[in-house]
PDB file of N, CA and C in Angstrom:
ATOM      1  N   UNK A   1       7.222 -11.553 -12.250  1.00  0.00           N
ATOM      2  CA  UNK A   1       6.420 -11.668 -11.150  1.00  0.00           C
ATOM      3  C   UNK A   1       5.127 -12.409 -11.132  1.00  0.00           C
ATOM      4  N   UNK A   2       4.519 -12.748 -10.103  1.00  0.00           N
ATOM      5  CA  UNK A   2       3.540 -13.705  -9.910  1.00  0.00           C
ATOM      6  C   UNK A   2       2.238 -13.060  -9.288  1.00  0.00           C
ATOM      7  N   UNK A   3       1.197 -13.424  -9.476  1.00  0.00           N
ATOM      8  CA  UNK A   3       0.070 -13.137  -8.832  1.00  0.00           C
ATOM      9  C   UNK A   3      -0.087 -13.685  -7.354  1.00  0.00           C
ATOM     10  N   UNK A   4       0.031 -13.014  -6.572  1.00  0.00           N
ATOM     11  CA  UNK A   4      -0.235 -13.266  -4.950  1.00  0.00           C
ATOM     12  C   UNK A   4      -1.006 -14.139  -4.711  1.00  0.00           C
ATOM     13  N   UNK A   5      -2.240 -14.147  -5.378  1.00  0.00           N
ATOM     14  CA  UNK A   5      -3.601 -14.825  -4.943  1.00  0.00           C
ATOM     15  C   UNK A   5      -3.320 -16.193  -5.313  1.00  0.00           C
ATOM     16  N   UNK A   6      -2.860 -16.521  -6.858  1.00  0.00           N
ATOM     17  CA  UNK A   6      -2.881 -17.900  -7.182  1.00  0.00           C
ATOM     18  C   UNK A   6      -1.400 -18.341  -7.810  1.00  0.00           C
ATOM     19  N   UNK A   7      -0.723 -17.352  -7.504  1.00  0.00           N
ATOM     20  CA  UNK A   7       0.743 -17.890  -7.641  1.00  0.00           C
ATOM     21  C   UNK A   7       1.015 -18.084  -9.167  1.00  0.00           C
ATOM     22  N   UNK A   8       0.223 -17.320  -9.921  1.00  0.00           N
ATOM     23  CA  UNK A   8       0.350 -17.676 -11.447  1.00  0.00           C
ATOM     24  C   UNK A   8       1.444 -16.288 -12.313  1.00  0.00           C
ATOM     25  N   UNK A   9       2.293 -16.883 -12.938  1.00  0.00           N
ATOM     26  CA  UNK A   9       3.068 -15.681 -13.365  1.00  0.00           C
ATOM     27  C   UNK A   9       2.210 -14.741 -14.399  1.00  0.00           C
ATOM     28  N   UNK A  10       2.597 -13.482 -14.137  1.00  0.00           N
ATOM     29  CA  UNK A  10       1.857 -12.259 -14.681  1.00  0.00           C
ATOM     30  C   UNK A  10       2.789 -11.624 -15.761  1.00  0.00           C
ATOM     31  N   UNK A  11       2.425 -11.110 -16.681  1.00  0.00           N
ATOM     32  CA  UNK A  11       3.098 -10.483 -17.812  1.00  0.00           C
ATOM     33  C   UNK A  11       3.726  -9.257 -17.633  1.00  0.00           C
ATOM     34  N   UNK A  12       4.346  -9.228 -16.287  1.00  0.00           N
ATOM     35  CA  UNK A  12       4.999  -7.898 -15.912  1.00  0.00           C
ATOM     36  C   UNK A  12       6.637  -8.027 -15.716  1.00  0.00           C
ATOM     37  N   UNK A  13       7.220  -7.221 -15.763  1.00  0.00           N
ATOM     38  CA  UNK A  13       8.689  -7.334 -15.622  1.00  0.00           C
ATOM     39  C   UNK A  13       9.212  -5.945 -14.983  1.00  0.00           C
ATOM     40  N   UNK A  14      10.157  -6.111 -14.089  1.00  0.00           N
ATOM     41  CA  UNK A  14      10.642  -4.893 -13.361  1.00  0.00           C
ATOM     42  C   UNK A  14      12.107  -4.894 -13.761  1.00  0.00           C
ATOM     43  N   UNK A  15      12.510  -3.758 -14.490  1.00  0.00           N
ATOM     44  CA  UNK A  15      13.992  -3.464 -14.810  1.00  0.00           C
ATOM     45  C   UNK A  15      14.392  -2.348 -14.280  1.00  0.00           C
ATOM     46  N   UNK A  16      15.783  -2.364 -13.831  1.00  0.00           N
ATOM     47  CA  UNK A  16      16.277  -1.295 -12.942  1.00  0.00           C
ATOM     48  C   UNK A  16      17.381  -0.759 -13.830  1.00  0.00           C
ATOM     49  N   UNK A  17      17.022   0.522 -14.123  1.00  0.00           N
ATOM     50  CA  UNK A  17      18.271   1.022 -14.975  1.00  0.00           C
ATOM     51  C   UNK A  17      18.953   2.300 -14.227  1.00  0.00           C
ATOM     52  N   UNK A  18      20.202   2.865 -14.452  1.00  0.00           N
ATOM     53  CA  UNK A  18      20.896   3.853 -14.137  1.00  0.00           C
ATOM     54  C   UNK A  18      19.992   4.966 -14.901  1.00  0.00           C
ATOM     55  N   UNK A  19      20.131   6.468 -13.814  1.00  0.00           N
ATOM     56  CA  UNK A  19      19.319   7.267 -14.629  1.00  0.00           C
ATOM     57  C   UNK A  19      20.258   7.982 -15.585  1.00  0.00           C
ATOM     58  N   UNK A  20      20.293   7.688 -16.951  1.00  0.00           N
ATOM     59  CA  UNK A  20      20.999   8.266 -17.829  1.00  0.00           C
ATOM     60  C   UNK A  20      20.181   8.892 -18.967  1.00  0.00           C
ATOM     61  N   UNK A  21      20.680   9.545 -19.930  1.00  0.00           N
ATOM     62  CA  UNK A  21      19.988   9.965 -21.096  1.00  0.00           C
ATOM     63  C   UNK A  21      19.688   8.880 -21.884  1.00  0.00           C
ATOM     64  N   UNK A  22      20.754   8.069 -22.260  1.00  0.00           N
ATOM     65  CA  UNK A  22      20.416   6.927 -22.701  1.00  0.00           C
ATOM     66  C   UNK A  22      19.611   6.013 -22.441  1.00  0.00           C
ATOM     67  N   UNK A  23      19.360   5.555 -21.190  1.00  0.00           N
ATOM     68  CA  UNK A  23      18.571   4.699 -20.579  1.00  0.00           C
ATOM     69  C   UNK A  23      17.033   5.199 -20.697  1.00  0.00           C
ATOM     70  N   UNK A  24      16.774   6.506 -20.633  1.00  0.00           N
ATOM     71  CA  UNK A  24      15.334   7.213 -20.835  1.00  0.00           C
ATOM     72  C   UNK A  24      14.792   6.729 -22.228  1.00  0.00           C
ATOM     73  N   UNK A  25      15.677   6.355 -23.160  1.00  0.00           N
ATOM     74  CA  UNK A  25      14.901   5.707 -24.415  1.00  0.00           C
ATOM     75  C   UNK A  25      14.163   4.715 -24.082  1.00  0.00           C
ATOM     76  N   UNK A  26      14.128   3.847 -23.178  1.00  0.00           N
ATOM     77  CA  UNK A  26      13.494   2.665 -22.588  1.00  0.00           C
ATOM     78  C   UNK A  26      11.964   3.040 -22.804  1.00  0.00           C
ATOM     79  N   UNK A  27      11.627   4.111 -22.557  1.00  0.00           N
ATOM     80  CA  UNK A  27      10.299   4.781 -22.398  1.00  0.00           C
ATOM     81  C   UNK A  27       9.701   4.928 -23.933  1.00  0.00           C
ATOM     82  N   UNK A  28      10.410   4.810 -24.943  1.00  0.00           N
ATOM     83  CA  UNK A  28       9.759   5.293 -26.171  1.00  0.00           C
ATOM     84  C   UNK A  28       9.569   3.517 -26.840  1.00  0.00           C
ATOM     85  N   UNK A  29      10.040   2.477 -26.178  1.00  0.00           N
ATOM     86  CA  UNK A  29       9.928   1.084 -26.672  1.00  0.00           C
ATOM     87  C   UNK A  29       8.196   0.919 -26.685  1.00  0.00           C
ATOM     88  N   UNK A  30       7.621   0.381 -27.951  1.00  0.00           N
ATOM     89  CA  UNK A  30       6.508   0.100 -27.842  1.00  0.00           C
ATOM     90  C   UNK A  30       6.393  -1.426 -28.321  1.00  0.00           C
ATOM     91  N   UNK A  31       7.213  -2.113 -28.650  1.00  0.00           N
ATOM     92  CA  UNK A  31       7.379  -3.546 -29.300  1.00  0.00           C
ATOM     93  C   UNK A  31       8.511  -4.340 -28.923  1.00  0.00           C
ATOM     94  N   UNK A  32       8.475  -5.533 -28.694  1.00  0.00           N
ATOM     95  CA  UNK A  32       9.679  -6.347 -28.586  1.00  0.00           C
ATOM     96  C   UNK A  32       9.102  -7.758 -28.779  1.00  0.00           C
ATOM     97  N   UNK A  33       9.934  -8.166 -29.883  1.00  0.00           N
ATOM     98  CA  UNK A  33       9.772  -9.507 -30.704  1.00  0.00           C
ATOM     99  C   UNK A  33       8.228  -9.646 -30.784  1.00  0.00           C
ATOM    100  N   UNK A  34       7.724  -8.693 -31.632  1.00  0.00           N
ATOM    101  CA  UNK A  34       6.370  -8.492 -32.365  1.00  0.00           C
ATOM    102  C   UNK A  34       5.461  -8.542 -31.222  1.00  0.00           C
ATOM    103  N   UNK A  35       5.652  -8.151 -29.975  1.00  0.00           N
ATOM    104  CA  UNK A  35       4.788  -8.317 -28.725  1.00  0.00           C
ATOM    105  C   UNK A  35       4.811  -6.545 -28.572  1.00  0.00           C
ATOM    106  N   UNK A  36       3.626  -6.106 -28.433  1.00  0.00           N
ATOM    107  CA  UNK A  36       3.325  -4.696 -27.697  1.00  0.00           C
ATOM    108  C   UNK A  36       3.283  -4.823 -26.571  1.00  0.00           C
ATOM    109  N   UNK A  37       4.034  -3.708 -26.165  1.00  0.00           N
ATOM    110  CA  UNK A  37       4.601  -3.392 -24.785  1.00  0.00           C
ATOM    111  C   UNK A  37       4.391  -1.866 -24.135  1.00  0.00           C
ATOM    112  N   UNK A  38       4.122  -1.900 -23.075  1.00  0.00           N
ATOM    113  CA  UNK A  38       3.977  -0.410 -22.281  1.00  0.00           C
ATOM    114  C   UNK A  38       5.237  -0.586 -21.181  1.00  0.00           C
ATOM    115  N   UNK A  39       5.967   0.674 -21.199  1.00  0.00           N
ATOM    116  CA  UNK A  39       6.736   0.755 -20.366  1.00  0.00           C
ATOM    117  C   UNK A  39       6.576   2.164 -19.543  1.00  0.00           C
ATOM    118  N   UNK A  40       6.557   1.885 -18.107  1.00  0.00           N
ATOM    119  CA  UNK A  40       6.373   2.765 -17.016  1.00  0.00           C
ATOM    120  C   UNK A  40       7.149   2.840 -15.967  1.00  0.00           C
ATOM    121  N   UNK A  41       7.098   4.243 -15.544  1.00  0.00           N
ATOM    122  CA  UNK A  41       8.237   4.439 -14.469  1.00  0.00           C
ATOM    123  C   UNK A  41       7.494   3.567 -13.210  1.00  0.00           C
ATOM    124  N   UNK A  42       8.200   3.146 -12.301  1.00  0.00           N
ATOM    125  CA  UNK A  42       7.699   2.708 -11.081  1.00  0.00           C
ATOM    126  C   UNK A  42       7.340   3.590 -10.018  1.00  0.00           C
ATOM    127  N   UNK A  43       6.025   3.587  -9.542  1.00  0.00           N
ATOM    128  CA  UNK A  43       5.273   4.414  -9.119  1.00  0.00           C
ATOM    129  C   UNK A  43       5.598   4.376  -7.396  1.00  0.00           C
ATOM    130  N   UNK A  44       5.993   5.402  -6.699  1.00  0.00           N
ATOM    131  CA  UNK A  44       6.242   5.020  -5.369  1.00  0.00           C
ATOM    132  C   UNK A  44       4.989   5.071  -4.565  1.00  0.00           C
ATOM    133  N   UNK A  45       4.999   4.381  -3.556  1.00  0.00           N
ATOM    134  CA  UNK A  45       3.642   4.464  -2.459  1.00  0.00           C
ATOM    135  C   UNK A  45       3.517   5.896  -1.839  1.00  0.00           C
ATOM    136  N   UNK A  46       2.287   6.060  -1.633  1.00  0.00           N
ATOM    137  CA  UNK A  46       2.021   7.465  -1.033  1.00  0.00           C
ATOM    138  C   UNK A  46       2.132   7.183   0.482  1.00  0.00           C
ATOM    139  N   UNK A  47       2.647   7.974   1.512  1.00  0.00           N
ATOM    140  CA  UNK A  47       2.718   7.792   2.798  1.00  0.00           C
ATOM    141  C   UNK A  47       3.649   6.918   3.268  1.00  0.00           C
ATOM    142  N   UNK A  48       3.530   6.768   4.808  1.00  0.00           N
ATOM    143  CA  UNK A  48       4.461   5.908   5.707  1.00  0.00           C
ATOM    144  C   UNK A  48       4.013   4.305   5.266  1.00  0.00           C
ATOM    145  N   UNK A  49       5.046   3.399   5.564  1.00  0.00           N
ATOM    146  CA  UNK A  49       4.898   1.934   5.512  1.00  0.00           C
ATOM    147  C   UNK A  49       3.732   1.605   6.586  1.00  0.00           C
ATOM    148  N   UNK A  50       2.942   0.642   6.338  1.00  0.00           N
ATOM    149  CA  UNK A  50       1.973   0.117   6.872  1.00  0.00           C
ATOM    150  C   UNK A  50       1.828  -1.318   7.061  1.00  0.00           C
ATOM    151  N   UNK A  51       1.748  -2.050   8.334  1.00  0.00           N
ATOM    152  CA  UNK A  51       2.017  -3.351   8.521  1.00  0.00           C
ATOM    153  C   UNK A  51       0.803  -4.052   7.835  1.00  0.00           C
ATOM    154  N   UNK A  52       1.002  -5.141   7.489  1.00  0.00           N
ATOM    155  CA  UNK A  52      -0.358  -5.897   6.756  1.00  0.00           C
ATOM    156  C   UNK A  52      -0.853  -6.868   7.958  1.00  0.00           C
ATOM    157  N   UNK A  53       0.035  -7.144   9.067  1.00  0.00           N
ATOM    158  CA  UNK A  53      -0.477  -7.734  10.037  1.00  0.00           C
ATOM    159  C   UNK A  53      -1.103  -7.192  11.542  1.00  0.00           C
ATOM    160  N   UNK A  54      -0.742  -6.189  11.845  1.00  0.00           N
ATOM    161  CA  UNK A  54      -1.418  -5.311  12.784  1.00  0.00           C
ATOM    162  C   UNK A  54      -1.937  -4.051  12.445  1.00  0.00           C
ATOM    163  N   UNK A  55      -1.734  -3.380  11.227  1.00  0.00           N
ATOM    164  CA  UNK A  55      -2.058  -2.348  10.655  1.00  0.00           C
ATOM    165  C   UNK A  55      -1.355  -1.046  10.897  1.00  0.00           C
ATOM    166  N   UNK A  56      -0.325  -1.199  12.033  1.00  0.00           N
ATOM    167  CA  UNK A  56       0.207  -0.075  12.432  1.00  0.00           C
ATOM    168  C   UNK A  56       1.183   0.490  11.382  1.00  0.00           C
ATOM    169  N   UNK A  57       1.756   1.771  11.654  1.00  0.00           N
ATOM    170  CA  UNK A  57       2.209   2.413  10.702  1.00  0.00           C
ATOM    171  C   UNK A  57       3.894   2.484  10.822  1.00  0.00           C
ATOM    172  N   UNK A  58       4.722   2.730  10.130  1.00  0.00           N
ATOM    173  CA  UNK A  58       6.276   2.732  10.195  1.00  0.00           C
ATOM    174  C   UNK A  58       6.901   1.503  10.441  1.00  0.00           C
ATOM    175  N   UNK A  59       6.454   0.356   9.991  1.00  0.00           N
ATOM    176  CA  UNK A  59       6.701  -0.863   9.884  1.00  0.00           C
ATOM    177  C   UNK A  59       6.070  -1.676   9.192  1.00  0.00           C
ATOM    178  N   UNK A  60       6.785  -3.092   8.605  1.00  0.00           N
ATOM    179  CA  UNK A  60       6.125  -3.987   8.016  1.00  0.00           C
ATOM    180  C   UNK A  60       6.031  -5.320   8.657  1.00  0.00           C
ATOM    181  N   UNK A  61       5.342  -6.346   8.183  1.00  0.00           N
ATOM    182  CA  UNK A  61       4.912  -7.508   8.825  1.00  0.00           C
ATOM    183  C   UNK A  61       5.963  -8.514   8.951  1.00  0.00           C
ATOM    184  N   UNK A  62       6.868  -8.120   8.289  1.00  0.00           N
ATOM    185  CA  UNK A  62       7.817  -9.306   8.563  1.00  0.00           C
ATOM    186  C   UNK A  62       8.516  -9.689   9.795  1.00  0.00           C
ATOM    187  N   UNK A  63       8.784  -8.504  10.751  1.00  0.00           N
ATOM    188  CA  UNK A  63       9.175  -9.004  11.918  1.00  0.00           C
ATOM    189  C   UNK A  63       8.142  -8.569  12.914  1.00  0.00           C
ATOM    190  N   UNK A  64       6.799  -8.036  12.687  1.00  0.00           N
ATOM    191  CA  UNK A  64       6.055  -7.750  13.486  1.00  0.00           C
ATOM    192  C   UNK A  64       5.507  -8.771  14.681  1.00  0.00           C
ATOM    193  N   UNK A  65       5.347  -8.602  16.144  1.00  0.00           N
ATOM    194  CA  UNK A  65       5.081  -9.254  16.830  1.00  0.00           C
ATOM    195  C   UNK A  65       3.832  -8.720  17.636  1.00  0.00           C
ATOM    196  N   UNK A  66       3.289  -7.860  17.204  1.00  0.00           N
ATOM    197  CA  UNK A  66       1.935  -7.162  17.843  1.00  0.00           C
ATOM    198  C   UNK A  66       0.956  -8.335  17.370  1.00  0.00           C
ATOM    199  N   UNK A  67      -0.366  -8.165  18.059  1.00  0.00           N
ATOM    200  CA  UNK A  67      -1.524  -8.998  18.008  1.00  0.00           C
ATOM    201  C   UNK A  67      -1.966  -8.582  16.556  1.00  0.00           C
ATOM    202  N   UNK A  68      -2.771  -9.682  15.699  1.00  0.00           N
ATOM    203  CA  UNK A  68      -3.187  -9.032  14.523  1.00  0.00           C
ATOM    204  C   UNK A  68      -4.281  -8.357  14.422  1.00  0.00           C
ATOM    205  N   UNK A  69      -4.539  -7.549  13.460  1.00  0.00           N
ATOM    206  CA  UNK A  69      -5.895  -6.479  13.487  1.00  0.00           C
ATOM    207  C   UNK A  69      -5.965  -6.570  11.709  1.00  0.00           C
ATOM    208  N   UNK A  70      -7.722  -6.998  11.618  1.00  0.00           N
ATOM    209  CA  UNK A  70      -8.039  -7.252  10.352  1.00  0.00           C
ATOM    210  C   UNK A  70      -8.171  -5.725   9.698  1.00  0.00           C
ATOM    211  N   UNK A  71      -8.004  -5.761   8.320  1.00  0.00           N
ATOM    212  CA  UNK A  71      -7.998  -4.298   7.728  1.00  0.00           C
ATOM    213  C   UNK A  71      -9.468  -3.988   7.145  1.00  0.00           C
ATOM    214  N   UNK A  72     -10.254  -5.066   6.947  1.00  0.00           N
ATOM    215  CA  UNK A  72     -11.499  -5.107   6.817  1.00  0.00           C
ATOM    216  C   UNK A  72     -12.425  -4.819   7.952  1.00  0.00           C
ATOM    217  N   UNK A  73     -12.296  -5.576   9.091  1.00  0.00           N
ATOM    218  CA  UNK A  73     -13.377  -5.724  10.069  1.00  0.00           C
ATOM    219  C   UNK A  73     -12.888  -4.726  11.259  1.00  0.00           C
ATOM    220  N   UNK A  74     -11.506  -4.696  11.487  1.00  0.00           N
ATOM    221  CA  UNK A  74     -11.044  -4.059  12.521  1.00  0.00           C
ATOM    222  C   UNK A  74     -10.746  -4.833  13.784  1.00  0.00           C
ATOM    223  N   UNK A  75     -11.197  -6.084  13.785  1.00  0.00           N
ATOM    224  CA  UNK A  75     -11.215  -7.274  14.772  1.00  0.00           C
ATOM    225  C   UNK A  75      -9.814  -7.898  14.693  1.00  0.00           C
ATOM    226  N   UNK A  76      -9.562  -8.714  15.922  1.00  0.00           N
ATOM    227  CA  UNK A  76      -8.139  -9.291  16.479  1.00  0.00           C
ATOM    228  C   UNK A  76      -8.110 -10.529  15.550  1.00  0.00           C
ATOM    229  N   UNK A  77      -7.854 -10.501  14.163  1.00  0.00           N
ATOM    230  CA  UNK A  77      -7.582 -11.739  13.395  1.00  0.00           C
ATOM    231  C   UNK A  77      -7.051 -11.232  12.181  1.00  0.00           C
ATOM    232  N   UNK A  78      -6.269 -11.897  11.588  1.00  0.00           N
ATOM    233  CA  UNK A  78      -5.463 -11.606  10.363  1.00  0.00           C
ATOM    234  C   UNK A  78      -6.384 -11.223   9.236  1.00  0.00           C
ATOM    235  N   UNK A  79      -6.124 -10.457   8.234  1.00  0.00           N
ATOM    236  CA  UNK A  79      -7.061 -10.264   7.155  1.00  0.00           C
ATOM    237  C   UNK A  79      -7.429 -11.173   6.383  1.00  0.00           C
ATOM    238  N   UNK A  80      -6.554 -12.266   5.950  1.00  0.00           N
ATOM    239  CA  UNK A  80      -6.712 -13.188   5.136  1.00  0.00           C
ATOM    240  C   UNK A  80      -7.864 -14.117   5.882  1.00  0.00           C
ATOM    241  N   UNK A  81      -8.085 -14.172   7.054  1.00  0.00           N
ATOM    242  CA  UNK A  81      -9.070 -15.094   7.873  1.00  0.00           C
ATOM    243  C   UNK A  81     -10.175 -14.257   7.996  1.00  0.00           C
ATOM    244  N   UNK A  82     -10.507 -13.169   7.611  1.00  0.00           N
ATOM    245  CA  UNK A  82     -11.804 -12.304   7.997  1.00  0.00           C
ATOM    246  C   UNK A  82     -12.941 -13.174   7.367  1.00  0.00           C
ATOM    247  N   UNK A  83     -14.102 -13.092   7.677  1.00  0.00           N
ATOM    248  CA  UNK A  83     -15.214 -13.648   7.372  1.00  0.00           C
ATOM    249  C   UNK A  83     -16.428 -12.716   7.096  1.00  0.00           C
ATOM    250  N   UNK A  84     -15.944 -11.428   6.892  1.00  0.00           N
ATOM    251  CA  UNK A  84     -16.921 -10.322   6.705  1.00  0.00           C
ATOM    252  C   UNK A  84     -17.486 -10.441   5.273  1.00  0.00           C
ATOM    253  N   UNK A  85     -18.862 -10.336   5.059  1.00  0.00           N
ATOM    254  CA  UNK A  85     -19.565 -10.481   3.672  1.00  0.00           C
ATOM    255  C   UNK A  85     -18.917  -9.116   3.124  1.00  0.00           C
ATOM    256  N   UNK A  86     -18.692  -8.850   1.753  1.00  0.00           N
ATOM    257  CA  UNK A  86     -18.604  -7.843   0.998  1.00  0.00           C
ATOM    258  C   UNK A  86     -19.446  -6.922   1.073  1.00  0.00           C
ATOM    259  N   UNK A  87     -20.692  -7.401   1.466  1.00  0.00           N
ATOM    260  CA  UNK A  87     -21.762  -6.358   1.692  1.00  0.00           C
ATOM    261  C   UNK A  87     -21.829  -5.593   2.562  1.00  0.00           C
ATOM    262  N   UNK A  88     -21.169  -5.668   3.787  1.00  0.00           N
ATOM    263  CA  UNK A  88     -21.033  -5.294   4.935  1.00  0.00           C
ATOM    264  C   UNK A  88     -19.992  -4.191   4.727  1.00  0.00           C
ATOM    265  N   UNK A  89     -20.337  -2.918   5.282  1.00  0.00           N
ATOM    266  CA  UNK A  89     -19.358  -1.793   5.316  1.00  0.00           C
ATOM    267  C   UNK A  89     -18.256  -2.175   6.352  1.00  0.00           C
ATOM    268  N   UNK A  90     -16.826  -1.807   5.759  1.00  0.00           N
ATOM    269  CA  UNK A  90     -15.710  -2.035   6.349  1.00  0.00           C
ATOM    270  C   UNK A  90     -15.660  -1.287   7.782  1.00  0.00           C
ATOM    271  N   UNK A  91     -14.874  -1.618   8.679  1.00  0.00           N
ATOM    272  CA  UNK A  91     -14.394  -0.711   9.993  1.00  0.00           C
ATOM    273  C   UNK A  91     -13.164  -0.723  10.158  1.00  0.00           C
ATOM    274  N   UNK A  92     -12.719   0.555   9.978  1.00  0.00           N
ATOM    275  CA  UNK A  92     -11.250   0.879  10.376  1.00  0.00           C
ATOM    276  C   UNK A  92     -10.928   0.384  11.711  1.00  0.00           C
ATOM    277  N   UNK A  93      -9.888   0.044  11.971  1.00  0.00           N
ATOM    278  CA  UNK A  93      -9.499  -0.452  13.411  1.00  0.00           C
ATOM    279  C   UNK A  93      -8.727   0.786  14.129  1.00  0.00           C
ATOM    280  N   UNK A  94      -8.323   1.638  13.284  1.00  0.00           N
ATOM    281  CA  UNK A  94      -7.811   3.059  13.964  1.00  0.00           C
ATOM    282  C   UNK A  94      -8.934   4.034  14.530  1.00  0.00           C
ATOM    283  N   UNK A  95      -9.999   4.115  13.746  1.00  0.00           N
ATOM    284  CA  UNK A  95     -10.887   5.104  14.066  1.00  0.00           C
ATOM    285  C   UNK A  95     -12.146   4.804  14.029  1.00  0.00           C
ATOM    286  N   UNK A  96     -12.373   3.593  13.848  1.00  0.00           N
ATOM    287  CA  UNK A  96     -13.735   2.890  13.794  1.00  0.00           C
ATOM    288  C   UNK A  96     -14.453   3.420  12.522  1.00  0.00           C
ATOM    289  N   UNK A  97     -14.099   4.066  11.688  1.00  0.00           N
ATOM    290  CA  UNK A  97     -14.596   4.743  10.573  1.00  0.00           C
ATOM    291  C   UNK A  97     -15.277   3.625   9.543  1.00  0.00           C
ATOM    292  N   UNK A  98     -15.897   3.925   8.639  1.00  0.00           N
ATOM    293  CA  UNK A  98     -16.602   3.031   7.717  1.00  0.00           C
ATOM    294  C   UNK A  98     -15.725   2.966   6.551  1.00  0.00           C
ATOM    295  N   UNK A  99     -14.556   2.471   6.601  1.00  0.00           N
ATOM    296  CA  UNK A  99     -13.532   2.587   5.748  1.00  0.00           C
ATOM    297  C   UNK A  99     -12.353   1.412   6.256  1.00  0.00           C
ATOM    298  N   UNK A 100     -11.749   0.994   5.013  1.00  0.00           N
ATOM    299  CA  UNK A 100     -10.699  -0.005   5.261  1.00  0.00           C
ATOM    300  C   UNK A 100      -9.450   0.750   6.404  1.00  0.00           C
ATOM    301  N   UNK A 101      -8.833  -0.196   7.103  1.00  0.00           N
ATOM    302  CA  UNK A 101      -7.583   0.212   7.732  1.00  0.00           C
ATOM    303  C   UNK A 101      -6.715   1.265   6.842  1.00  0.00           C
ATOM    304  N   UNK A 102      -6.295   0.726   5.710  1.00  0.00           N
ATOM    305  CA  UNK A 102      -5.487   1.376   4.734  1.00  0.00           C
ATOM    306  C   UNK A 102      -5.932   2.442   3.937  1.00  0.00           C
ATOM    307  N   UNK A 103      -7.038   3.013   4.407  1.00  0.00           N
ATOM    308  CA  UNK A 103      -7.696   4.318   3.820  1.00  0.00           C
ATOM    309  C   UNK A 103      -6.629   5.265   3.815  1.00  0.00           C
ATOM    310  N   UNK A 104      -6.351   5.955   2.683  1.00  0.00           N
ATOM    311  CA  UNK A 104      -5.314   7.152   2.731  1.00  0.00           C
ATOM    312  C   UNK A 104      -5.863   8.323   3.650  1.00  0.00           C
ATOM    313  N   UNK A 105      -7.221   8.567   3.592  1.00  0.00           N
ATOM    314  CA  UNK A 105      -7.991   9.704   4.078  1.00  0.00           C
ATOM    315  C   UNK A 105      -8.493   9.313   5.478  1.00  0.00           C
ATOM    316  N   UNK A 106      -7.841   8.288   6.287  1.00  0.00           N
ATOM    317  CA  UNK A 106      -8.507   8.043   7.463  1.00  0.00           C
ATOM    318  C   UNK A 106      -7.694   9.031   8.480  1.00  0.00           C
ATOM    319  N   UNK A 107      -8.336   9.700   9.511  1.00  0.00           N
ATOM    320  CA  UNK A 107      -7.981  11.000  10.297  1.00  0.00           C
ATOM    321  C   UNK A 107      -6.695  10.149  10.966  1.00  0.00           C
ATOM    322  N   UNK A 108      -6.445   9.031  11.286  1.00  0.00           N
ATOM    323  CA  UNK A 108      -5.629   8.377  12.154  1.00  0.00           C
ATOM    324  C   UNK A 108      -4.280   8.047  11.344  1.00  0.00           C
ATOM    325  N   UNK A 109      -4.532   8.160  10.044  1.00  0.00           N
ATOM    326  CA  UNK A 109      -3.274   7.995   9.186  1.00  0.00           C
ATOM    327  C   UNK A 109      -2.356   9.334   9.334  1.00  0.00           C
ATOM    328  N   UNK A 110      -1.096   8.993   9.567  1.00  0.00           N
ATOM    329  CA  UNK A 110       0.116   9.976   9.758  1.00  0.00           C
ATOM    330  C   UNK A 110       0.146  10.965   8.727  1.00  0.00           C
ATOM    331  N   UNK A 111      -0.154  10.764   7.374  1.00  0.00           N
ATOM    332  CA  UNK A 111      -0.221  11.596   6.311  1.00  0.00           C
ATOM    333  C   UNK A 111      -1.376  12.798   6.661  1.00  0.00           C
ATOM    334  N   UNK A 112      -2.375  12.423   7.525  1.00  0.00           N
ATOM    335  CA  UNK A 112      -3.442  13.541   7.848  1.00  0.00           C
ATOM    336  C   UNK A 112      -3.388  13.848   9.145  1.00  0.00           C
ATOM    337  N   UNK A 113      -2.529  13.657   9.911  1.00  0.00           N
ATOM    338  CA  UNK A 113      -2.467  14.259  11.112  1.00  0.00           C
ATOM    339  C   UNK A 113      -1.544  15.484  11.260  1.00  0.00           C
ATOM    340  N   UNK A 114      -1.910  16.268  12.022  1.00  0.00           N
ATOM    341  CA  UNK A 114      -0.974  17.692  11.985  1.00  0.00           C
ATOM    342  C   UNK A 114       0.555  17.426  12.471  1.00  0.00           C
ATOM    343  N   UNK A 115       1.750  18.012  11.867  1.00  0.00           N
ATOM    344  CA  UNK A 115       3.048  17.857  12.209  1.00  0.00           C
ATOM    345  C   UNK A 115       3.169  18.628  13.591  1.00  0.00           C
ATOM    346  N   UNK A 116       4.240  18.249  14.187  1.00  0.00           N
ATOM    347  CA  UNK A 116       4.354  18.904  15.520  1.00  0.00           C
ATOM    348  C   UNK A 116       4.643  20.631  15.355  1.00  0.00           C
ATOM    349  N   UNK A 117       5.306  20.898  14.203  1.00  0.00           N
ATOM    350  CA  UNK A 117       5.201  22.220  13.935  1.00  0.00           C
ATOM    351  C   UNK A 117       4.035  22.914  13.786  1.00  0.00           C
ATOM    352  N   UNK A 118       3.198  22.349  13.034  1.00  0.00           N
ATOM    353  CA  UNK A 118       1.786  22.732  12.876  1.00  0.00           C
ATOM    354  C   UNK A 118       0.979  22.829  14.325  1.00  0.00           C
ATOM    355  N   UNK A 119       1.301  21.884  15.118  1.00  0.00           N
ATOM    356  CA  UNK A 119       0.603  21.818  16.434  1.00  0.00           C
ATOM    357  C   UNK A 119       1.098  23.224  17.237  1.00  0.00           C
ATOM    358  N   UNK A 120       2.332  23.268  17.032  1.00  0.00           N
ATOM    359  CA  UNK A 120       3.065  24.445  17.837  1.00  0.00           C
ATOM    360  C   UNK A 120       2.518  25.616  17.357  1.00  0.00           C
ATOM    361  N   UNK A 121       2.381  26.004  15.993  1.00  0.00           N
ATOM    362  CA  UNK A 121       1.687  27.343  15.451  1.00  0.00           C
ATOM    363  C   UNK A 121       0.332  27.469  15.831  1.00  0.00           C
ATOM    364  N   UNK A 122      -0.742  26.391  15.995  1.00  0.00           N
ATOM    365  CA  UNK A 122      -1.684  26.562  16.308  1.00  0.00           C
ATOM    366  C   UNK A 122      -2.016  26.815  17.956  1.00  0.00           C
ATOM    367  N   UNK A 123      -1.049  26.512  18.600  1.00  0.00           N
ATOM    368  CA  UNK A 123      -1.327  26.788  20.009  1.00  0.00           C
ATOM    369  C   UNK A 123      -0.676  28.207  20.401  1.00  0.00           C
ATOM    370  N   UNK A 124       0.016  29.034  19.655  1.00  0.00           N
ATOM    371  CA  UNK A 124       0.430  30.314  20.040  1.00  0.00           C
ATOM    372  C   UNK A 124      -0.544  31.437  19.410  1.00  0.00           C
TER     373      UNK A 124
END
């Protein structure tokens, strides 16, 4: 694996194994070739996919044709081109709140919006 910022190799390895009792033993490893190691299960991301181009939900940036939105300031440019200083609070492009657009507690994040079933219950 490589660091995305400077493309240097990182001391991380992704190993995929079938879920068997024998393969669970990999979590007991602490050393390989005199190097101390730590084995962790891959953590799943919480919530729906979010595009890094337009900040929209349920798709990724690979095939996105929407106009770019900055995750930091909410304006119409790619996040990598943002000139907002770190001292200035971020602005969410979804709700104009003082957080980045990928903030899990954003009220516009689908995780925080009531489901259709919950809406129907509250209307009755």
